[in-house]
Amino acid sequence: MTQPATQLRPGRLDYSVPESSYHTGTEISFSTLKYALISPLHYRAACARKYADTPSKRLGRLSHVAALQPHRLGELYRVWDGTRRGKAWDVFEATATSAGLEVVTASEMAAAEVIRDAVQRHPAASVLLAHGDPEVSCYWDEDGDDFRGRFDWLTDESSAPVVLDLKLTKCAGAREFGSDAAHYHYPMQAAMYLRGYKAATGHDATYLWLAVENVEPHDVVIYEAGEEDIELGEDELTRAHDAVRVARGLDSWPGRCTYRMPIRLPRWAFPWRGDDDEGAEGIGLTADGKEIG
């Protein structure tokens, strides 16, 4: 699928932006732009939503540090093994916060360390992470709009640049992770970040997903975004950006649909429909071993 040419103006890479500062930026980011694929209304709501930390985000952040910067765990975190209330907790939290440290539970740290060990055991992953830079922020202009992205890990293979994206998943199998990738629009993120990297450096890069299972046996698989994957991502990126620009130009932010349409019920909701192509008698319901209905 051929996409219209996108006007990219020179961008920049920044290796020192703290995560908290990055999230306060006003540029278009993948985390909000993906909602434009649902509707402009969903995109505007995502932009208005204040960034809020949650236990799942905290664990994801901790796991990223454990996998990509294991030597910094002690620099960035303090472990509290107890109830988060009472005088002892108040003193511990205040001390850690004043030192610029984040407090995590013992179980959270143990889970992150399992992720760290799994990544370090993987021969190809350990090579990719032997050198490079973590949490690299990228800023660029695309068709007059300011964009931003944050690379989990930026490295190279035989002098060719590589953007590595760490993804935690319940199953790193090709079919299962591929389904996650499509559902969460990972190709769109890849296409967006590759555009940003080229705007900032003038070079193309390879995009890799480092899929790490966050449940036993904690398998690790590296997937490369292929040409067709990036093509899909480019299509989603263009559609999302176009939707935002049209809505902004009209100052109208519609939802999914502005007209009446039929509902699409799932097949299983109709007991008289069979599973084969030519139809069937229906689903046989039984009670006490006898067919009913």
Protein backbone atom coordinates (compact mmCIF):
# COMPACT_ATOMS: atom_id res chain seq x y z
CA MET A 1 0.00 0.00 0.00
CA THR A 2 1.55 3.26 -1.15
CA GLN A 3 1.32 6.13 1.31
CA PRO A 4 1.49 9.83 0.41
CA ALA A 5 4.87 11.39 1.01
CA THR A 6 5.35 12.65 4.55
CA GLN A 7 7.28 15.87 5.10
CA LEU A 8 9.89 15.25 7.80
CA ARG A 9 11.96 18.11 9.13
CA PRO A 10 15.27 17.47 10.91
CA GLY A 11 14.79 16.14 14.42
CA ARG A 12 17.06 15.35 17.33
CA LEU A 13 17.93 12.59 19.76
CA ASP A 14 18.20 13.37 23.46
CA TYR A 15 19.93 10.87 25.72
CA SER A 16 19.29 12.64 29.02
CA VAL A 17 15.57 13.40 29.31
CA PRO A 18 14.09 11.93 32.52
CA GLU A 19 11.00 9.80 32.00
CA SER A 20 8.88 12.16 34.10
CA SER A 21 9.90 15.12 31.92
CA TYR A 22 9.31 13.16 28.73
CA HIS A 23 5.70 12.40 29.69
CA THR A 24 4.94 16.08 30.30
CA GLY A 25 5.74 16.95 26.69
CA THR A 26 3.02 18.39 24.45
CA GLU A 27 4.19 16.72 21.23
CA ILE A 28 2.16 13.98 19.54
CA SER A 29 3.15 10.60 20.95
CA PHE A 30 2.25 7.04 20.05
CA SER A 31 0.53 6.49 23.39
CA THR A 32 -2.10 9.08 22.49
CA LEU A 33 -2.12 9.00 18.67
CA LYS A 34 -3.14 5.32 18.58
CA TYR A 35 -6.52 6.33 20.03
CA ALA A 36 -7.24 8.29 16.84
CA LEU A 37 -7.64 4.90 15.16
CA ILE A 38 -10.81 4.54 17.26
CA SER A 39 -12.02 8.11 16.78
CA PRO A 40 -10.95 11.75 17.15
CA LEU A 41 -13.04 11.87 20.33
CA HIS A 42 -10.96 9.08 21.89
CA TYR A 43 -7.76 10.82 20.84
CA ARG A 44 -8.78 14.12 22.43
CA ALA A 45 -9.75 12.32 25.64
CA ALA A 46 -6.37 10.56 25.72
CA CYS A 47 -4.55 13.88 25.31
CA ALA A 48 -6.56 15.47 28.12
CA ARG A 49 -5.94 12.56 30.46
CA LYS A 50 -3.19 13.38 32.94
CA TYR A 51 -0.36 10.91 33.20
CA ALA A 52 -0.96 8.88 36.34
CA ASP A 53 1.34 6.28 37.80
CA THR A 54 -0.14 2.87 38.60
CA PRO A 55 1.22 -0.38 40.08
CA SER A 56 1.30 -1.95 36.61
CA LYS A 57 3.22 1.03 35.17
CA ARG A 58 5.59 0.91 38.13
CA LEU A 59 6.27 -2.78 37.57
CA GLY A 60 6.74 -2.24 33.85
CA ARG A 61 9.19 0.59 34.49
CA LEU A 62 11.06 -1.51 37.04
CA SER A 63 11.21 -4.46 34.63
CA HIS A 64 12.63 -2.23 31.90
CA VAL A 65 15.40 -1.05 34.21
CA ALA A 66 16.09 -4.62 35.32
CA ALA A 67 16.33 -5.88 31.75
CA LEU A 68 18.12 -2.95 30.10
CA GLN A 69 20.05 -1.30 32.96
CA PRO A 70 20.39 -3.96 35.69
CA HIS A 71 23.36 -2.16 37.23
CA ARG A 72 21.08 0.78 38.08
CA LEU A 73 18.50 -1.09 40.15
CA GLY A 74 20.25 -0.15 43.38
CA GLU A 75 20.67 3.46 42.22
CA LEU A 76 17.03 4.02 41.40
CA TYR A 77 15.00 1.85 43.77
CA ARG A 78 14.56 0.96 47.41
CA VAL A 79 12.69 -2.16 48.47
CA TRP A 80 10.03 -2.00 51.18
CA ASP A 81 8.94 -5.39 52.48
CA GLY A 82 5.91 -4.50 54.55
CA THR A 83 2.56 -2.71 54.70
CA ARG A 84 2.48 0.75 53.18
CA ARG A 85 1.15 2.52 56.22
CA GLY A 86 2.30 3.45 59.71
CA LYS A 87 5.14 5.57 61.01
CA ALA A 88 7.90 3.24 59.81
CA TRP A 89 6.52 3.35 56.26
CA ASP A 90 6.13 7.13 56.33
CA VAL A 91 9.77 7.58 57.38
CA PHE A 92 11.03 5.05 54.81
CA GLU A 93 9.07 6.63 51.96
CA ALA A 94 10.12 10.15 52.90
CA THR A 95 13.78 9.15 53.09
CA ALA A 96 13.67 7.38 49.73
CA THR A 97 11.79 10.19 48.04
CA SER A 98 14.18 12.85 49.33
CA ALA A 99 17.03 10.82 47.85
CA GLY A 100 15.27 10.63 44.48
CA LEU A 101 14.56 6.91 44.81
CA GLU A 102 11.41 4.99 43.93
CA VAL A 103 10.00 2.52 46.43
CA VAL A 104 8.91 -0.94 45.24
CA THR A 105 7.78 -4.04 47.07
CA ALA A 106 9.95 -7.11 47.56
CA SER A 107 7.66 -9.11 45.25
CA GLU A 108 7.92 -6.46 42.53
CA MET A 109 11.71 -6.47 42.73
CA ALA A 110 11.77 -10.28 42.64
CA ALA A 111 9.57 -10.29 39.51
CA ALA A 112 11.84 -7.74 37.83
CA GLU A 113 14.94 -9.74 38.67
CA VAL A 114 13.42 -12.81 37.03
CA ILE A 115 12.93 -10.73 33.86
CA ARG A 116 16.53 -9.53 34.10
CA ASP A 117 17.89 -13.06 34.43
CA ALA A 118 15.79 -14.35 31.52
CA VAL A 119 17.08 -11.61 29.20
CA GLN A 120 20.67 -12.11 30.27
CA ARG A 121 20.43 -15.87 29.58
CA HIS A 122 19.28 -15.28 26.01
CA PRO A 123 22.39 -15.34 23.77
CA ALA A 124 21.18 -12.92 21.08
CA ALA A 125 19.55 -10.52 23.55
CA SER A 126 22.69 -10.35 25.68
CA VAL A 127 24.73 -9.40 22.59
CA LEU A 128 22.30 -6.63 21.61
CA LEU A 129 22.36 -5.24 25.15
CA ALA A 130 26.13 -5.46 25.54
CA HIS A 131 26.42 -1.93 24.18
CA GLY A 132 23.95 0.84 23.43
CA ASP A 133 21.89 3.55 25.10
CA PRO A 134 18.67 3.17 27.10
CA GLU A 135 15.61 5.41 27.10
CA VAL A 136 16.60 7.65 24.19
CA SER A 137 14.08 10.40 23.48
CA CYS A 138 13.47 11.49 19.90
CA TYR A 139 11.81 14.71 18.75
CA TRP A 140 10.88 15.61 15.19
CA ASP A 141 8.44 17.57 12.99
CA GLU A 142 6.07 15.72 10.69
CA ASP A 143 3.87 17.62 8.28
CA GLY A 144 3.96 20.63 10.59
CA ASP A 145 3.22 18.75 13.81
CA ASP A 146 5.72 18.08 16.59
CA PHE A 147 6.20 14.41 17.43
CA ARG A 148 8.07 12.59 20.16
CA GLY A 149 9.10 9.00 20.84
CA ARG A 150 11.22 7.16 23.39
CA PHE A 151 13.39 4.23 22.35
CA ASP A 152 13.84 1.55 25.00
CA TRP A 153 17.30 0.72 23.66
CA LEU A 154 19.32 2.17 20.78
CA THR A 155 22.23 0.12 19.53
CA ASP A 156 23.77 -1.17 16.30
CA GLU A 157 24.64 -4.40 14.53
CA SER A 158 27.69 -4.25 12.27
CA SER A 159 27.44 -0.44 12.39
CA ALA A 160 23.77 -0.55 11.28
CA PRO A 161 21.41 1.20 13.75
CA VAL A 162 18.88 -0.86 15.70
CA VAL A 163 15.91 0.34 17.74
CA LEU A 164 15.01 -2.29 20.35
CA ASP A 165 11.55 -2.29 21.94
CA LEU A 166 11.09 -4.38 25.10
CA LYS A 167 7.61 -5.89 25.41
CA LEU A 168 6.42 -7.95 28.36
CA THR A 169 3.89 -10.60 27.40
CA LYS A 170 2.19 -13.69 28.74
CA CYS A 171 3.30 -15.71 25.70
CA ALA A 172 6.21 -14.95 23.38
CA GLY A 173 5.10 -17.42 20.72
CA ALA A 174 4.93 -16.06 17.18
CA ARG A 175 1.15 -16.45 16.83
CA GLU A 176 0.34 -15.16 20.31
CA PHE A 177 2.78 -12.25 20.29
CA GLY A 178 1.76 -11.41 16.74
CA SER A 179 -1.83 -11.15 17.93
CA ASP A 180 -0.72 -8.82 20.75
CA ALA A 181 1.27 -6.75 18.27
CA ALA A 182 -1.75 -6.27 16.02
CA HIS A 183 -4.12 -5.56 18.91
CA TYR A 184 -1.88 -2.99 20.58
CA HIS A 185 -0.68 -1.45 17.28
CA TYR A 186 3.01 -2.27 17.74
CA PRO A 187 3.66 -1.89 13.97
CA MET A 188 2.31 1.66 14.13
CA GLN A 189 4.71 2.43 16.96
CA ALA A 190 7.57 0.89 14.99
CA ALA A 191 6.78 2.92 11.87
CA MET A 192 6.48 6.10 13.91
CA TYR A 193 9.76 5.57 15.73
CA LEU A 194 11.62 4.69 12.54
CA ARG A 195 10.35 7.92 10.98
CA GLY A 196 11.59 9.82 14.01
CA TYR A 197 14.98 8.16 13.94
CA LYS A 198 15.42 8.98 10.26
CA ALA A 199 14.36 12.59 10.84
CA ALA A 200 16.90 12.89 13.65
CA THR A 201 19.83 11.11 11.99
CA GLY A 202 19.14 10.85 8.28
CA HIS A 203 19.50 7.07 8.47
CA ASP A 204 17.18 4.09 8.34
CA ALA A 205 17.19 1.64 11.24
CA THR A 206 16.09 -1.90 12.01
CA TYR A 207 13.26 -2.28 14.51
CA LEU A 208 13.27 -5.24 16.89
CA TRP A 209 10.80 -6.38 19.52
CA LEU A 210 12.32 -8.09 22.53
CA ALA A 211 9.39 -10.19 23.75
CA VAL A 212 9.84 -11.39 27.34
CA GLU A 213 7.32 -13.59 29.10
CA ASN A 214 6.35 -12.23 32.50
CA VAL A 215 5.08 -15.65 33.58
CA GLU A 216 6.92 -18.97 33.78
CA PRO A 217 8.98 -20.17 32.02
CA HIS A 218 9.93 -16.57 31.12
CA ASP A 219 10.90 -17.32 27.54
CA VAL A 220 12.58 -14.59 25.48
CA VAL A 221 12.16 -14.15 21.72
CA ILE A 222 13.46 -11.42 19.41
CA TYR A 223 11.25 -10.44 16.49
CA GLU A 224 12.20 -8.16 13.62
CA ALA A 225 9.61 -5.82 12.15
CA GLY A 226 9.48 -6.81 8.50
CA GLU A 227 8.63 -4.73 5.46
CA GLU A 228 4.96 -5.71 5.54
CA ASP A 229 4.74 -4.96 9.27
CA ILE A 230 6.13 -1.48 8.74
CA GLU A 231 3.79 -0.96 5.78
CA LEU A 232 0.85 -1.77 8.05
CA GLY A 233 2.24 0.59 10.68
CA GLU A 234 2.69 3.37 8.13
CA ASP A 235 -0.92 2.96 7.04
CA GLU A 236 -2.19 3.16 10.63
CA LEU A 237 0.07 6.10 11.39
CA THR A 238 -1.12 8.03 8.35
CA ARG A 239 -4.80 7.32 9.06
CA ALA A 240 -4.45 8.34 12.71
CA HIS A 241 -2.55 11.55 11.93
CA ASP A 242 -4.95 12.49 9.13
CA ALA A 243 -7.91 11.97 11.46
CA VAL A 244 -6.37 14.31 14.02
CA ARG A 245 -5.53 17.00 11.47
CA VAL A 246 -9.03 16.94 9.95
CA ALA A 247 -10.68 17.08 13.39
CA ARG A 248 -8.42 19.90 14.48
CA GLY A 249 -9.04 21.86 11.29
CA LEU A 250 -12.81 21.57 11.68
CA ASP A 251 -12.69 21.89 15.46
CA SER A 252 -14.95 18.86 15.52
CA TRP A 253 -14.05 15.70 17.43
CA PRO A 254 -16.60 13.02 16.52
CA GLY A 255 -16.78 9.56 18.05
CA ARG A 256 -16.81 6.24 16.24
CA CYS A 257 -19.89 6.90 14.14
CA THR A 258 -22.13 9.90 13.56
CA TYR A 259 -24.99 8.01 11.89
CA ARG A 260 -27.23 5.05 12.69
CA MET A 261 -25.80 1.62 11.97
CA PRO A 262 -26.73 -2.00 12.66
CA ILE A 263 -25.18 -3.79 15.59
CA ARG A 264 -22.95 -6.79 14.90
CA LEU A 265 -23.69 -9.53 17.39
CA PRO A 266 -21.25 -12.43 17.74
CA ARG A 267 -22.11 -15.70 16.00
CA TRP A 268 -22.44 -17.56 19.28
CA ALA A 269 -25.37 -15.34 20.25
CA PHE A 270 -27.55 -17.12 17.68
CA PRO A 271 -28.12 -20.74 18.82
CA TRP A 272 -29.80 -21.70 15.54
CA ARG A 273 -26.70 -20.89 13.49
CA GLY A 274 -24.34 -23.76 12.81
CA ASP A 275 -20.58 -23.65 12.49
CA ASP A 276 -20.33 -24.89 8.89
CA ASP A 277 -20.63 -22.76 5.80
CA GLU A 278 -23.95 -24.24 4.66
CA GLY A 279 -25.73 -23.78 7.97
CA ALA A 280 -26.79 -26.31 10.56
CA GLU A 281 -29.77 -27.32 12.61
CA GLY A 282 -28.52 -25.32 15.58
CA ILE A 283 -26.89 -25.98 18.91
CA GLY A 284 -28.35 -28.91 20.78
CA LEU A 285 -29.07 -27.99 24.40
CA THR A 286 -29.54 -30.82 26.86
CA ALA A 287 -30.93 -31.32 30.34
CA ASP A 288 -30.63 -34.61 32.19
CA GLY A 289 -29.17 -36.14 29.08
CA LYS A 290 -32.15 -35.19 26.87
CA GLU A 291 -32.08 -32.67 24.08
CA ILE A 292 -34.22 -29.57 24.62
CA GLY A 293 -35.11 -26.59 22.49
